[in-house]
């Protein structure tokens, strides 16, 4: 997060980013737990 400046940040971008984060979380859960814990939350 914080990749774009606040001016460029729009609601639809936030929604797409939220979906992306959710997908990434699901992927990480499917991956080995050790790999998940290696990422800072």
PDB file of N, CA and C in Angstrom:
ATOM      1  N   UNK A   1       0.843  -1.197   0.000  1.00  0.00           N
ATOM      2  CA  UNK A   1       0.000   0.000   0.000  1.00  0.00           C
ATOM      3  C   UNK A   1       0.875   1.242   0.000  1.00  0.00           C
ATOM      4  N   UNK A   2       0.271   2.400  -0.353  1.00  0.00           N
ATOM      5  CA  UNK A   2       1.056   3.623  -0.408  1.00  0.00           C
ATOM      6  C   UNK A   2       1.871   3.712  -1.679  1.00  0.00           C
ATOM      7  N   UNK A   3       1.551   2.862  -2.677  1.00  0.00           N
ATOM      8  CA  UNK A   3       2.304   2.879  -3.933  1.00  0.00           C
ATOM      9  C   UNK A   3       1.975   4.101  -4.770  1.00  0.00           C
ATOM     10  N   UNK A   4       0.699   4.540  -4.714  1.00  0.00           N
ATOM     11  CA  UNK A   4       0.304   5.691  -5.522  1.00  0.00           C
ATOM     12  C   UNK A   4       0.169   6.919  -4.634  1.00  0.00           C
ATOM     13  N   UNK A   5       0.336   8.116  -5.195  1.00  0.00           N
ATOM     14  CA  UNK A   5       0.066   9.351  -4.436  1.00  0.00           C
ATOM     15  C   UNK A   5      -1.420   9.449  -4.124  1.00  0.00           C
ATOM     16  N   UNK A   6      -1.770  10.148  -3.043  1.00  0.00           N
ATOM     17  CA  UNK A   6      -3.182  10.249  -2.641  1.00  0.00           C
ATOM     18  C   UNK A   6      -4.037  10.826  -3.765  1.00  0.00           C
ATOM     19  N   UNK A   7      -3.477  11.751  -4.547  1.00  0.00           N
ATOM     20  CA  UNK A   7      -4.251  12.384  -5.626  1.00  0.00           C
ATOM     21  C   UNK A   7      -4.684  11.339  -6.651  1.00  0.00           C
ATOM     22  N   UNK A   8      -3.803  10.394  -6.940  1.00  0.00           N
ATOM     23  CA  UNK A   8      -4.114   9.396  -7.969  1.00  0.00           C
ATOM     24  C   UNK A   8      -4.948   8.253  -7.399  1.00  0.00           C
ATOM     25  N   UNK A   9      -5.071   8.204  -6.079  1.00  0.00           N
ATOM     26  CA  UNK A   9      -5.797   7.089  -5.460  1.00  0.00           C
ATOM     27  C   UNK A   9      -7.298   7.316  -5.579  1.00  0.00           C
ATOM     28  N   UNK A  10      -8.004   6.384  -6.239  1.00  0.00           N
ATOM     29  CA  UNK A  10      -9.454   6.531  -6.435  1.00  0.00           C
ATOM     30  C   UNK A  10     -10.182   5.332  -5.851  1.00  0.00           C
ATOM     31  N   UNK A  11     -11.492   5.494  -5.562  1.00  0.00           N
ATOM     32  CA  UNK A  11     -12.278   4.402  -4.954  1.00  0.00           C
ATOM     33  C   UNK A  11     -12.178   3.107  -5.739  1.00  0.00           C
ATOM     34  N   UNK A  12     -12.273   3.176  -7.074  1.00  0.00           N
ATOM     35  CA  UNK A  12     -12.228   1.931  -7.851  1.00  0.00           C
ATOM     36  C   UNK A  12     -10.842   1.294  -7.738  1.00  0.00           C
ATOM     37  N   UNK A  13      -9.803   2.109  -7.618  1.00  0.00           N
ATOM     38  CA  UNK A  13      -8.465   1.547  -7.430  1.00  0.00           C
ATOM     39  C   UNK A  13      -8.378   0.869  -6.059  1.00  0.00           C
ATOM     40  N   UNK A  14      -8.987   1.499  -5.062  1.00  0.00           N
ATOM     41  CA  UNK A  14      -8.966   0.920  -3.718  1.00  0.00           C
ATOM     42  C   UNK A  14      -9.677  -0.428  -3.728  1.00  0.00           C
ATOM     43  N   UNK A  15     -10.804  -0.495  -4.435  1.00  0.00           N
ATOM     44  CA  UNK A  15     -11.563  -1.741  -4.485  1.00  0.00           C
ATOM     45  C   UNK A  15     -10.738  -2.833  -5.161  1.00  0.00           C
ATOM     46  N   UNK A  16     -10.105  -2.494  -6.283  1.00  0.00           N
ATOM     47  CA  UNK A  16      -9.311  -3.498  -7.000  1.00  0.00           C
ATOM     48  C   UNK A  16      -8.128  -3.932  -6.137  1.00  0.00           C
ATOM     49  N   UNK A  17      -7.534  -2.983  -5.423  1.00  0.00           N
ATOM     50  CA  UNK A  17      -6.407  -3.315  -4.548  1.00  0.00           C
ATOM     51  C   UNK A  17      -6.872  -4.238  -3.427  1.00  0.00           C
ATOM     52  N   UNK A  18      -8.069  -3.963  -2.878  1.00  0.00           N
ATOM     53  CA  UNK A  18      -8.591  -4.805  -1.798  1.00  0.00           C
ATOM     54  C   UNK A  18      -8.798  -6.228  -2.302  1.00  0.00           C
ATOM     55  N   UNK A  19      -9.356  -6.357  -3.494  1.00  0.00           N
ATOM     56  CA  UNK A  19      -9.568  -7.697  -4.070  1.00  0.00           C
ATOM     57  C   UNK A  19      -8.227  -8.392  -4.263  1.00  0.00           C
ATOM     58  N   UNK A  20      -7.238  -7.617  -4.713  1.00  0.00           N
ATOM     59  CA  UNK A  20      -5.913  -8.197  -4.943  1.00  0.00           C
ATOM     60  C   UNK A  20      -5.335  -8.700  -3.625  1.00  0.00           C
ATOM     61  N   UNK A  21      -5.459  -7.893  -2.583  1.00  0.00           N
ATOM     62  CA  UNK A  21      -4.919  -8.293  -1.280  1.00  0.00           C
ATOM     63  C   UNK A  21      -5.622  -9.559  -0.797  1.00  0.00           C
ATOM     64  N   UNK A  22      -6.937  -9.627  -0.994  1.00  0.00           N
ATOM     65  CA  UNK A  22      -7.673 -10.814  -0.550  1.00  0.00           C
ATOM     66  C   UNK A  22      -7.188 -12.039  -1.303  1.00  0.00           C
ATOM     67  N   UNK A  23      -6.981 -11.895  -2.610  1.00  0.00           N
ATOM     68  CA  UNK A  23      -6.506 -13.035  -3.406  1.00  0.00           C
ATOM     69  C   UNK A  23      -5.120 -13.450  -2.941  1.00  0.00           C
ATOM     70  N   UNK A  24      -4.273 -12.453  -2.662  1.00  0.00           N
ATOM     71  CA  UNK A  24      -2.915 -12.765  -2.213  1.00  0.00           C
ATOM     72  C   UNK A  24      -2.959 -13.505  -0.883  1.00  0.00           C
ATOM     73  N   UNK A  25      -3.866 -13.106   0.008  1.00  0.00           N
ATOM     74  CA  UNK A  25      -3.962 -13.779   1.312  1.00  0.00           C
ATOM     75  C   UNK A  25      -4.362 -15.229   1.108  1.00  0.00           C
ATOM     76  N   UNK A  26      -5.328 -15.461   0.210  1.00  0.00           N
ATOM     77  CA  UNK A  26      -5.776 -16.833  -0.053  1.00  0.00           C
ATOM     78  C   UNK A  26      -4.616 -17.638  -0.629  1.00  0.00           C
ATOM     79  N   UNK A  27      -3.861 -17.031  -1.550  1.00  0.00           N
ATOM     80  CA  UNK A  27      -2.711 -17.731  -2.144  1.00  0.00           C
ATOM     81  C   UNK A  27      -1.716 -18.090  -1.055  1.00  0.00           C
ATOM     82  N   UNK A  28      -1.429 -17.137  -0.181  1.00  0.00           N
ATOM     83  CA  UNK A  28      -0.440 -17.387   0.874  1.00  0.00           C
ATOM     84  C   UNK A  28      -0.916 -18.510   1.782  1.00  0.00           C
ATOM     85  N   UNK A  29      -2.219 -18.559   2.054  1.00  0.00           N
ATOM     86  CA  UNK A  29      -2.739 -19.632   2.907  1.00  0.00           C
ATOM     87  C   UNK A  29      -2.530 -20.976   2.230  1.00  0.00           C
ATOM     88  N   UNK A  30      -2.712 -21.010   0.910  1.00  0.00           N
ATOM     89  CA  UNK A  30      -2.515 -22.261   0.185  1.00  0.00           C
ATOM     90  C   UNK A  30      -1.039 -22.645   0.198  1.00  0.00           C
ATOM     91  N   UNK A  31      -0.158 -21.647   0.181  1.00  0.00           N
ATOM     92  CA  UNK A  31       1.273 -21.943   0.212  1.00  0.00           C
ATOM     93  C   UNK A  31       1.654 -22.456   1.599  1.00  0.00           C
ATOM     94  N   UNK A  32       2.887 -22.900   1.720  1.00  0.00           N
ATOM     95  CA  UNK A  32       3.350 -23.421   3.007  1.00  0.00           C
ATOM     96  C   UNK A  32       3.250 -22.329   4.076  1.00  0.00           C
ATOM     97  N   UNK A  33       2.854 -22.701   5.281  1.00  0.00           N
ATOM     98  CA  UNK A  33       2.684 -21.718   6.350  1.00  0.00           C
ATOM     99  C   UNK A  33       4.001 -21.025   6.670  1.00  0.00           C
ATOM    100  N   UNK A  34       5.096 -21.742   6.537  1.00  0.00           N
ATOM    101  CA  UNK A  34       6.400 -21.143   6.835  1.00  0.00           C
ATOM    102  C   UNK A  34       6.625 -19.932   5.939  1.00  0.00           C
ATOM    103  N   UNK A  35       6.256 -20.057   4.679  1.00  0.00           N
ATOM    104  CA  UNK A  35       6.454 -18.958   3.744  1.00  0.00           C
ATOM    105  C   UNK A  35       5.564 -17.781   4.135  1.00  0.00           C
ATOM    106  N   UNK A  36       4.349 -18.071   4.607  1.00  0.00           N
ATOM    107  CA  UNK A  36       3.425 -17.007   5.011  1.00  0.00           C
ATOM    108  C   UNK A  36       3.998 -16.236   6.193  1.00  0.00           C
ATOM    109  N   UNK A  37       4.516 -16.968   7.181  1.00  0.00           N
ATOM    110  CA  UNK A  37       5.040 -16.309   8.372  1.00  0.00           C
ATOM    111  C   UNK A  37       6.292 -15.491   8.049  1.00  0.00           C
ATOM    112  N   UNK A  38       6.973 -15.814   6.962  1.00  0.00           N
ATOM    113  CA  UNK A  38       8.178 -15.063   6.611  1.00  0.00           C
ATOM    114  C   UNK A  38       7.821 -13.653   6.147  1.00  0.00           C
ATOM    115  N   UNK A  39       6.547 -13.446   5.717  1.00  0.00           N
ATOM    116  CA  UNK A  39       6.135 -12.113   5.272  1.00  0.00           C
ATOM    117  C   UNK A  39       5.659 -11.292   6.466  1.00  0.00           C
ATOM    118  N   UNK A  40       6.118 -10.054   6.615  1.00  0.00           N
ATOM    119  CA  UNK A  40       5.594  -9.187   7.686  1.00  0.00           C
ATOM    120  C   UNK A  40       4.148  -8.826   7.397  1.00  0.00           C
ATOM    121  N   UNK A  41       3.290  -8.832   8.394  1.00  0.00           N
ATOM    122  CA  UNK A  41       1.872  -8.529   8.187  1.00  0.00           C
ATOM    123  C   UNK A  41       1.649  -7.027   8.234  1.00  0.00           C
TER     124      UNK A  41
END
